[in-house]
PDB file of N, CA and C in Angstrom:
ATOM      1  N   UNK A   1    -184.601 -54.646-112.272  1.00  0.00           N
ATOM      2  CA  UNK A   1    -185.734 -54.362-113.133  1.00  0.00           C
ATOM      3  C   UNK A   1    -185.378 -54.763-114.560  1.00  0.00           C
ATOM      4  N   UNK A   2    -186.131 -55.693-115.117  1.00  0.00           N
ATOM      5  CA  UNK A   2    -185.835 -56.129-116.472  1.00  0.00           C
ATOM      6  C   UNK A   2    -186.642 -55.305-117.464  1.00  0.00           C
ATOM      7  N   UNK A   3    -186.025 -55.103-118.595  1.00  0.00           N
ATOM      8  CA  UNK A   3    -186.656 -54.298-119.631  1.00  0.00           C
ATOM      9  C   UNK A   3    -186.834 -55.163-120.864  1.00  0.00           C
ATOM     10  N   UNK A   4    -188.049 -55.243-121.392  1.00  0.00           N
ATOM     11  CA  UNK A   4    -188.314 -56.015-122.599  1.00  0.00           C
ATOM     12  C   UNK A   4    -188.204 -55.113-123.814  1.00  0.00           C
ATOM     13  N   UNK A   5    -187.611 -55.652-124.862  1.00  0.00           N
ATOM     14  CA  UNK A   5    -187.568 -54.925-126.123  1.00  0.00           C
ATOM     15  C   UNK A   5    -188.927 -55.023-126.799  1.00  0.00           C
ATOM     16  N   UNK A   6    -189.326 -53.969-127.447  1.00  0.00           N
ATOM     17  CA  UNK A   6    -190.581 -53.986-128.203  1.00  0.00           C
ATOM     18  C   UNK A   6    -190.413 -54.911-129.399  1.00  0.00           C
ATOM     19  N   UNK A   7    -191.407 -55.740-129.639  1.00  0.00           N
ATOM     20  CA  UNK A   7    -191.366 -56.641-130.779  1.00  0.00           C
ATOM     21  C   UNK A   7    -191.900 -55.899-131.992  1.00  0.00           C
ATOM     22  N   UNK A   8    -191.079 -55.802-132.993  1.00  0.00           N
ATOM     23  CA  UNK A   8    -191.450 -55.106-134.214  1.00  0.00           C
ATOM     24  C   UNK A   8    -191.966 -56.118-135.228  1.00  0.00           C
ATOM     25  N   UNK A   9    -193.085 -55.800-135.826  1.00  0.00           N
ATOM     26  CA  UNK A   9    -193.654 -56.664-136.842  1.00  0.00           C
ATOM     27  C   UNK A   9    -193.420 -56.027-138.201  1.00  0.00           C
ATOM     28  N   UNK A  10    -193.040 -56.845-139.157  1.00  0.00           N
ATOM     29  CA  UNK A  10    -192.799 -56.360-140.512  1.00  0.00           C
ATOM     30  C   UNK A  10    -193.508 -57.280-141.497  1.00  0.00           C
ATOM     31  N   UNK A  11    -193.722 -56.784-142.698  1.00  0.00           N
ATOM     32  CA  UNK A  11    -194.312 -57.587-143.771  1.00  0.00           C
ATOM     33  C   UNK A  11    -193.214 -57.954-144.754  1.00  0.00           C
ATOM     34  N   UNK A  12    -193.159 -59.224-145.104  1.00  0.00           N
ATOM     35  CA  UNK A  12    -192.153 -59.696-146.058  1.00  0.00           C
ATOM     36  C   UNK A  12    -192.527 -59.226-147.462  1.00  0.00           C
ATOM     37  N   UNK A  13    -191.605 -58.556-148.163  1.00  0.00           N
ATOM     38  CA  UNK A  13    -191.916 -58.103-149.513  1.00  0.00           C
ATOM     39  C   UNK A  13    -192.003 -59.246-150.526  1.00  0.00           C
ATOM     40  N   UNK A  14    -191.476 -60.398-150.166  1.00  0.00           N
ATOM     41  CA  UNK A  14    -191.464 -61.525-151.093  1.00  0.00           C
ATOM     42  C   UNK A  14    -192.757 -62.348-151.018  1.00  0.00           C
ATOM     43  N   UNK A  15    -193.192 -62.695-149.786  1.00  0.00           N
ATOM     44  CA  UNK A  15    -194.396 -63.539-149.639  1.00  0.00           C
ATOM     45  C   UNK A  15    -195.594 -62.770-149.093  1.00  0.00           C
ATOM     46  N   UNK A  16    -195.361 -61.573-148.532  1.00  0.00           N
ATOM     47  CA  UNK A  16    -196.439 -60.756-148.015  1.00  0.00           C
ATOM     48  C   UNK A  16    -196.875 -61.074-146.601  1.00  0.00           C
ATOM     49  N   UNK A  17    -196.299 -62.109-145.995  1.00  0.00           N
ATOM     50  CA  UNK A  17    -196.696 -62.489-144.639  1.00  0.00           C
ATOM     51  C   UNK A  17    -196.018 -61.597-143.604  1.00  0.00           C
ATOM     52  N   UNK A  18    -196.712 -61.389-142.483  1.00  0.00           N
ATOM     53  CA  UNK A  18    -196.152 -60.625-141.377  1.00  0.00           C
ATOM     54  C   UNK A  18    -195.211 -61.531-140.589  1.00  0.00           C
ATOM     55  N   UNK A  19    -194.122 -60.961-140.074  1.00  0.00           N
ATOM     56  CA  UNK A  19    -193.197 -61.722-139.250  1.00  0.00           C
ATOM     57  C   UNK A  19    -192.596 -60.812-138.188  1.00  0.00           C
ATOM     58  N   UNK A  20    -192.116 -61.428-137.137  1.00  0.00           N
ATOM     59  CA  UNK A  20    -191.385 -60.705-136.102  1.00  0.00           C
ATOM     60  C   UNK A  20    -190.011 -61.345-135.997  1.00  0.00           C
ATOM     61  N   UNK A  21    -189.113 -60.681-135.357  1.00  0.00           N
ATOM     62  CA  UNK A  21    -187.774 -61.244-135.199  1.00  0.00           C
ATOM     63  C   UNK A  21    -186.813 -60.709-136.233  1.00  0.00           C
ATOM     64  N   UNK A  22    -185.655 -61.318-136.249  1.00  0.00           N
ATOM     65  CA  UNK A  22    -184.584 -60.878-137.138  1.00  0.00           C
ATOM     66  C   UNK A  22    -184.876 -61.298-138.573  1.00  0.00           C
ATOM     67  N   UNK A  23    -184.831 -60.364-139.524  1.00  0.00           N
ATOM     68  CA  UNK A  23    -185.079 -60.727-140.916  1.00  0.00           C
ATOM     69  C   UNK A  23    -183.860 -61.391-141.545  1.00  0.00           C
ATOM     70  N   UNK A  24    -184.093 -62.056-142.664  1.00  0.00           N
ATOM     71  CA  UNK A  24    -183.014 -62.569-143.499  1.00  0.00           C
ATOM     72  C   UNK A  24    -182.746 -61.510-144.564  1.00  0.00           C
ATOM     73  N   UNK A  25    -181.630 -61.637-145.248  1.00  0.00           N
ATOM     74  CA  UNK A  25    -181.320 -60.731-146.345  1.00  0.00           C
ATOM     75  C   UNK A  25    -181.526 -61.480-147.655  1.00  0.00           C
ATOM     76  N   UNK A  26    -182.290 -60.883-148.545  1.00  0.00           N
ATOM     77  CA  UNK A  26    -182.555 -61.515-149.836  1.00  0.00           C
ATOM     78  C   UNK A  26    -181.252 -61.717-150.595  1.00  0.00           C
ATOM     79  N   UNK A  27    -181.130 -62.843-151.257  1.00  0.00           N
ATOM     80  CA  UNK A  27    -179.908 -63.160-151.988  1.00  0.00           C
ATOM     81  C   UNK A  27    -179.687 -62.226-153.173  1.00  0.00           C
ATOM     82  N   UNK A  28    -180.755 -61.615-153.685  1.00  0.00           N
ATOM     83  CA  UNK A  28    -180.596 -60.695-154.814  1.00  0.00           C
ATOM     84  C   UNK A  28    -180.223 -59.286-154.363  1.00  0.00           C
ATOM     85  N   UNK A  29    -180.054 -59.104-153.046  1.00  0.00           N
ATOM     86  CA  UNK A  29    -179.647 -57.808-152.516  1.00  0.00           C
ATOM     87  C   UNK A  29    -180.763 -56.797-152.387  1.00  0.00           C
ATOM     88  N   UNK A  30    -182.007 -57.246-152.533  1.00  0.00           N
ATOM     89  CA  UNK A  30    -183.135 -56.309-152.502  1.00  0.00           C
ATOM     90  C   UNK A  30    -183.527 -55.869-151.094  1.00  0.00           C
ATOM     91  N   UNK A  31    -182.929 -56.474-150.070  1.00  0.00           N
ATOM     92  CA  UNK A  31    -183.209 -56.043-148.706  1.00  0.00           C
ATOM     93  C   UNK A  31    -183.704 -57.161-147.824  1.00  0.00           C
ATOM     94  N   UNK A  32    -184.306 -56.795-146.684  1.00  0.00           N
ATOM     95  CA  UNK A  32    -184.746 -57.804-145.726  1.00  0.00           C
ATOM     96  C   UNK A  32    -185.998 -58.550-146.180  1.00  0.00           C
ATOM     97  N   UNK A  33    -186.015 -59.851-145.864  1.00  0.00           N
ATOM     98  CA  UNK A  33    -187.167 -60.716-146.123  1.00  0.00           C
ATOM     99  C   UNK A  33    -187.411 -61.539-144.863  1.00  0.00           C
ATOM    100  N   UNK A  34    -188.539 -62.216-144.798  1.00  0.00           N
ATOM    101  CA  UNK A  34    -188.848 -63.003-143.602  1.00  0.00           C
ATOM    102  C   UNK A  34    -187.899 -64.205-143.498  1.00  0.00           C
ATOM    103  N   UNK A  35    -187.737 -64.724-142.293  1.00  0.00           N
ATOM    104  CA  UNK A  35    -186.852 -65.874-142.116  1.00  0.00           C
ATOM    105  C   UNK A  35    -187.237 -67.082-142.975  1.00  0.00           C
ATOM    106  N   UNK A  36    -188.535 -67.320-143.172  1.00  0.00           N
ATOM    107  CA  UNK A  36    -188.944 -68.452-144.000  1.00  0.00           C
ATOM    108  C   UNK A  36    -188.498 -68.281-145.450  1.00  0.00           C
ATOM    109  N   UNK A  37    -188.676 -67.086-146.002  1.00  0.00           N
ATOM    110  CA  UNK A  37    -188.234 -66.846-147.380  1.00  0.00           C
ATOM    111  C   UNK A  37    -186.708 -66.935-147.479  1.00  0.00           C
ATOM    112  N   UNK A  38    -186.012 -66.476-146.456  1.00  0.00           N
ATOM    113  CA  UNK A  38    -184.553 -66.598-146.433  1.00  0.00           C
ATOM    114  C   UNK A  38    -184.121 -68.052-146.430  1.00  0.00           C
ATOM    115  N   UNK A  39    -184.823 -68.868-145.650  1.00  0.00           N
ATOM    116  CA  UNK A  39    -184.515 -70.301-145.614  1.00  0.00           C
ATOM    117  C   UNK A  39    -184.809 -70.939-146.963  1.00  0.00           C
ATOM    118  N   UNK A  40    -185.950 -70.580-147.559  1.00  0.00           N
ATOM    119  CA  UNK A  40    -186.290 -71.121-148.883  1.00  0.00           C
ATOM    120  C   UNK A  40    -185.224 -70.762-149.922  1.00  0.00           C
ATOM    121  N   UNK A  41    -184.780 -69.505-149.920  1.00  0.00           N
ATOM    122  CA  UNK A  41    -183.756 -69.078-150.875  1.00  0.00           C
ATOM    123  C   UNK A  41    -182.457 -69.868-150.682  1.00  0.00           C
ATOM    124  N   UNK A  42    -182.059 -70.060-149.435  1.00  0.00           N
ATOM    125  CA  UNK A  42    -180.830 -70.798-149.154  1.00  0.00           C
ATOM    126  C   UNK A  42    -180.953 -72.253-149.602  1.00  0.00           C
ATOM    127  N   UNK A  43    -182.084 -72.880-149.288  1.00  0.00           N
ATOM    128  CA  UNK A  43    -182.278 -74.273-149.680  1.00  0.00           C
ATOM    129  C   UNK A  43    -182.363 -74.418-151.196  1.00  0.00           C
ATOM    130  N   UNK A  44    -183.035 -73.480-151.842  1.00  0.00           N
ATOM    131  CA  UNK A  44    -183.134 -73.514-153.305  1.00  0.00           C
ATOM    132  C   UNK A  44    -181.753 -73.389-153.939  1.00  0.00           C
ATOM    133  N   UNK A  45    -180.885 -72.585-153.335  1.00  0.00           N
ATOM    134  CA  UNK A  45    -179.546 -72.364-153.896  1.00  0.00           C
ATOM    135  C   UNK A  45    -178.693 -73.624-153.885  1.00  0.00           C
ATOM    136  N   UNK A  46    -179.055 -74.595-153.028  1.00  0.00           N
ATOM    137  CA  UNK A  46    -178.305 -75.857-152.990  1.00  0.00           C
ATOM    138  C   UNK A  46    -179.107 -77.003-153.612  1.00  0.00           C
ATOM    139  N   UNK A  47    -180.155 -76.646-154.343  1.00  0.00           N
ATOM    140  CA  UNK A  47    -180.891 -77.627-155.121  1.00  0.00           C
ATOM    141  C   UNK A  47    -181.990 -78.382-154.400  1.00  0.00           C
ATOM    142  N   UNK A  48    -182.425 -77.893-153.251  1.00  0.00           N
ATOM    143  CA  UNK A  48    -183.515 -78.552-152.526  1.00  0.00           C
ATOM    144  C   UNK A  48    -184.838 -78.134-153.163  1.00  0.00           C
ATOM    145  N   UNK A  49    -185.660 -79.111-153.492  1.00  0.00           N
ATOM    146  CA  UNK A  49    -186.942 -78.862-154.143  1.00  0.00           C
ATOM    147  C   UNK A  49    -187.967 -78.232-153.210  1.00  0.00           C
ATOM    148  N   UNK A  50    -189.022 -77.690-153.788  1.00  0.00           N
ATOM    149  CA  UNK A  50    -190.052 -76.969-153.040  1.00  0.00           C
ATOM    150  C   UNK A  50    -190.736 -77.839-151.988  1.00  0.00           C
ATOM    151  N   UNK A  51    -191.037 -79.104-152.312  1.00  0.00           N
ATOM    152  CA  UNK A  51    -191.698 -79.984-151.341  1.00  0.00           C
ATOM    153  C   UNK A  51    -190.812 -80.232-150.130  1.00  0.00           C
ATOM    154  N   UNK A  52    -189.541 -80.499-150.372  1.00  0.00           N
ATOM    155  CA  UNK A  52    -188.603 -80.730-149.264  1.00  0.00           C
ATOM    156  C   UNK A  52    -188.391 -79.453-148.457  1.00  0.00           C
ATOM    157  N   UNK A  53    -188.371 -78.305-149.122  1.00  0.00           N
ATOM    158  CA  UNK A  53    -188.247 -77.025-148.413  1.00  0.00           C
ATOM    159  C   UNK A  53    -189.377 -76.864-147.408  1.00  0.00           C
ATOM    160  N   UNK A  54    -190.597 -77.178-147.830  1.00  0.00           N
ATOM    161  CA  UNK A  54    -191.750 -77.042-146.942  1.00  0.00           C
ATOM    162  C   UNK A  54    -191.657 -77.991-145.754  1.00  0.00           C
ATOM    163  N   UNK A  55    -191.176 -79.225-146.007  1.00  0.00           N
ATOM    164  CA  UNK A  55    -191.005 -80.166-144.893  1.00  0.00           C
ATOM    165  C   UNK A  55    -189.948 -79.660-143.909  1.00  0.00           C
ATOM    166  N   UNK A  56    -188.887 -79.085-144.420  1.00  0.00           N
ATOM    167  CA  UNK A  56    -187.840 -78.538-143.551  1.00  0.00           C
ATOM    168  C   UNK A  56    -188.392 -77.378-142.727  1.00  0.00           C
ATOM    169  N   UNK A  57    -189.135 -76.478-143.373  1.00  0.00           N
ATOM    170  CA  UNK A  57    -189.717 -75.344-142.642  1.00  0.00           C
ATOM    171  C   UNK A  57    -190.720 -75.812-141.593  1.00  0.00           C
ATOM    172  N   UNK A  58    -191.511 -76.835-141.904  1.00  0.00           N
ATOM    173  CA  UNK A  58    -192.441 -77.382-140.903  1.00  0.00           C
ATOM    174  C   UNK A  58    -191.680 -77.907-139.694  1.00  0.00           C
ATOM    175  N   UNK A  59    -190.554 -78.567-139.931  1.00  0.00           N
ATOM    176  CA  UNK A  59    -189.733 -79.081-138.837  1.00  0.00           C
ATOM    177  C   UNK A  59    -189.159 -77.936-138.004  1.00  0.00           C
ATOM    178  N   UNK A  60    -188.678 -76.907-138.661  1.00  0.00           N
ATOM    179  CA  UNK A  60    -188.147 -75.741-137.947  1.00  0.00           C
ATOM    180  C   UNK A  60    -189.233 -75.119-137.076  1.00  0.00           C
ATOM    181  N   UNK A  61    -190.412 -74.930-137.631  1.00  0.00           N
ATOM    182  CA  UNK A  61    -191.513 -74.316-136.878  1.00  0.00           C
ATOM    183  C   UNK A  61    -191.936 -75.193-135.698  1.00  0.00           C
ATOM    184  N   UNK A  62    -191.988 -76.499-135.917  1.00  0.00           N
ATOM    185  CA  UNK A  62    -192.364 -77.419-134.848  1.00  0.00           C
ATOM    186  C   UNK A  62    -191.327 -77.370-133.713  1.00  0.00           C
ATOM    187  N   UNK A  63    -190.053 -77.403-134.051  1.00  0.00           N
ATOM    188  CA  UNK A  63    -188.996 -77.329-133.029  1.00  0.00           C
ATOM    189  C   UNK A  63    -189.024 -75.988-132.310  1.00  0.00           C
ATOM    190  N   UNK A  64    -189.278 -74.937-133.043  1.00  0.00           N
ATOM    191  CA  UNK A  64    -189.363 -73.599-132.454  1.00  0.00           C
ATOM    192  C   UNK A  64    -190.500 -73.544-131.434  1.00  0.00           C
ATOM    193  N   UNK A  65    -191.648 -74.098-131.787  1.00  0.00           N
ATOM    194  CA  UNK A  65    -192.809 -74.086-130.892  1.00  0.00           C
ATOM    195  C   UNK A  65    -192.560 -74.949-129.656  1.00  0.00           C
ATOM    196  N   UNK A  66    -191.890 -76.078-129.831  1.00  0.00           N
ATOM    197  CA  UNK A  66    -191.620 -76.982-128.713  1.00  0.00           C
ATOM    198  C   UNK A  66    -190.540 -76.450-127.785  1.00  0.00           C
ATOM    199  N   UNK A  67    -189.741 -75.518-128.279  1.00  0.00           N
ATOM    200  CA  UNK A  67    -188.621 -75.018-127.483  1.00  0.00           C
ATOM    201  C   UNK A  67    -189.048 -73.951-126.482  1.00  0.00           C
ATOM    202  N   UNK A  68    -190.305 -73.590-126.489  1.00  0.00           N
ATOM    203  CA  UNK A  68    -190.764 -72.577-125.545  1.00  0.00           C
ATOM    204  C   UNK A  68    -190.592 -71.165-126.065  1.00  0.00           C
ATOM    205  N   UNK A  69    -190.835 -70.982-127.338  1.00  0.00           N
ATOM    206  CA  UNK A  69    -190.814 -69.632-127.883  1.00  0.00           C
ATOM    207  C   UNK A  69    -189.493 -69.188-128.460  1.00  0.00           C
ATOM    208  N   UNK A  70    -188.722 -70.120-128.958  1.00  0.00           N
ATOM    209  CA  UNK A  70    -187.514 -69.738-129.669  1.00  0.00           C
ATOM    210  C   UNK A  70    -186.272 -69.629-128.829  1.00  0.00           C
ATOM    211  N   UNK A  71    -186.194 -70.372-127.748  1.00  0.00           N
ATOM    212  CA  UNK A  71    -184.981 -70.364-126.935  1.00  0.00           C
ATOM    213  C   UNK A  71    -184.383 -71.755-126.916  1.00  0.00           C
ATOM    214  N   UNK A  72    -183.065 -71.804-127.007  1.00  0.00           N
ATOM    215  CA  UNK A  72    -182.378 -73.077-126.919  1.00  0.00           C
ATOM    216  C   UNK A  72    -182.379 -73.569-125.490  1.00  0.00           C
ATOM    217  N   UNK A  73    -181.917 -74.772-125.278  1.00  0.00           N
ATOM    218  CA  UNK A  73    -181.870 -75.306-123.918  1.00  0.00           C
ATOM    219  C   UNK A  73    -180.958 -74.492-123.024  1.00  0.00           C
ATOM    220  N   UNK A  74    -180.006 -73.802-123.603  1.00  0.00           N
ATOM    221  CA  UNK A  74    -179.111 -72.963-122.818  1.00  0.00           C
ATOM    222  C   UNK A  74    -179.760 -71.631-122.440  1.00  0.00           C
ATOM    223  N   UNK A  75    -180.952 -71.362-123.008  1.00  0.00           N
ATOM    224  CA  UNK A  75    -181.653 -70.113-122.710  1.00  0.00           C
ATOM    225  C   UNK A  75    -181.394 -69.011-123.720  1.00  0.00           C
ATOM    226  N   UNK A  76    -180.480 -69.261-124.650  1.00  0.00           N
ATOM    227  CA  UNK A  76    -180.198 -68.257-125.675  1.00  0.00           C
ATOM    228  C   UNK A  76    -181.256 -68.319-126.771  1.00  0.00           C
ATOM    229  N   UNK A  77    -181.657 -67.175-127.311  1.00  0.00           N
ATOM    230  CA  UNK A  77    -182.681 -67.201-128.376  1.00  0.00           C
ATOM    231  C   UNK A  77    -182.142 -67.804-129.657  1.00  0.00           C
ATOM    232  N   UNK A  78    -183.003 -68.540-130.362  1.00  0.00           N
ATOM    233  CA  UNK A  78    -182.650 -69.020-131.689  1.00  0.00           C
ATOM    234  C   UNK A  78    -182.683 -67.841-132.636  1.00  0.00           C
ATOM    235  N   UNK A  79    -181.890 -67.896-133.676  1.00  0.00           N
ATOM    236  CA  UNK A  79    -181.870 -66.818-134.679  1.00  0.00           C
ATOM    237  C   UNK A  79    -182.723 -67.213-135.872  1.00  0.00           C
ATOM    238  N   UNK A  80    -184.024 -67.248-135.689  1.00  0.00           N
ATOM    239  CA  UNK A  80    -184.950 -67.546-136.785  1.00  0.00           C
ATOM    240  C   UNK A  80    -185.329 -66.295-137.482  1.00  0.00           C
TER     241      UNK A  80
END
């Protein structure tokens, strides 16, 4: 008998969007933020501009959707 974990939805304090899954930690130490904001913060910290950040996030989302709901080919979940 398999047991599914309940999916918890949270609101990102930085962008206000709802997200599910594992949160990122804000670089300023203010707490959890959505994975997209975490990715933006990381990319910004290495000098990636806003336009390129959006293209990278679009690619991540597209790959995530094509992977069958966030699982790698090995069946392990992606950590988005």
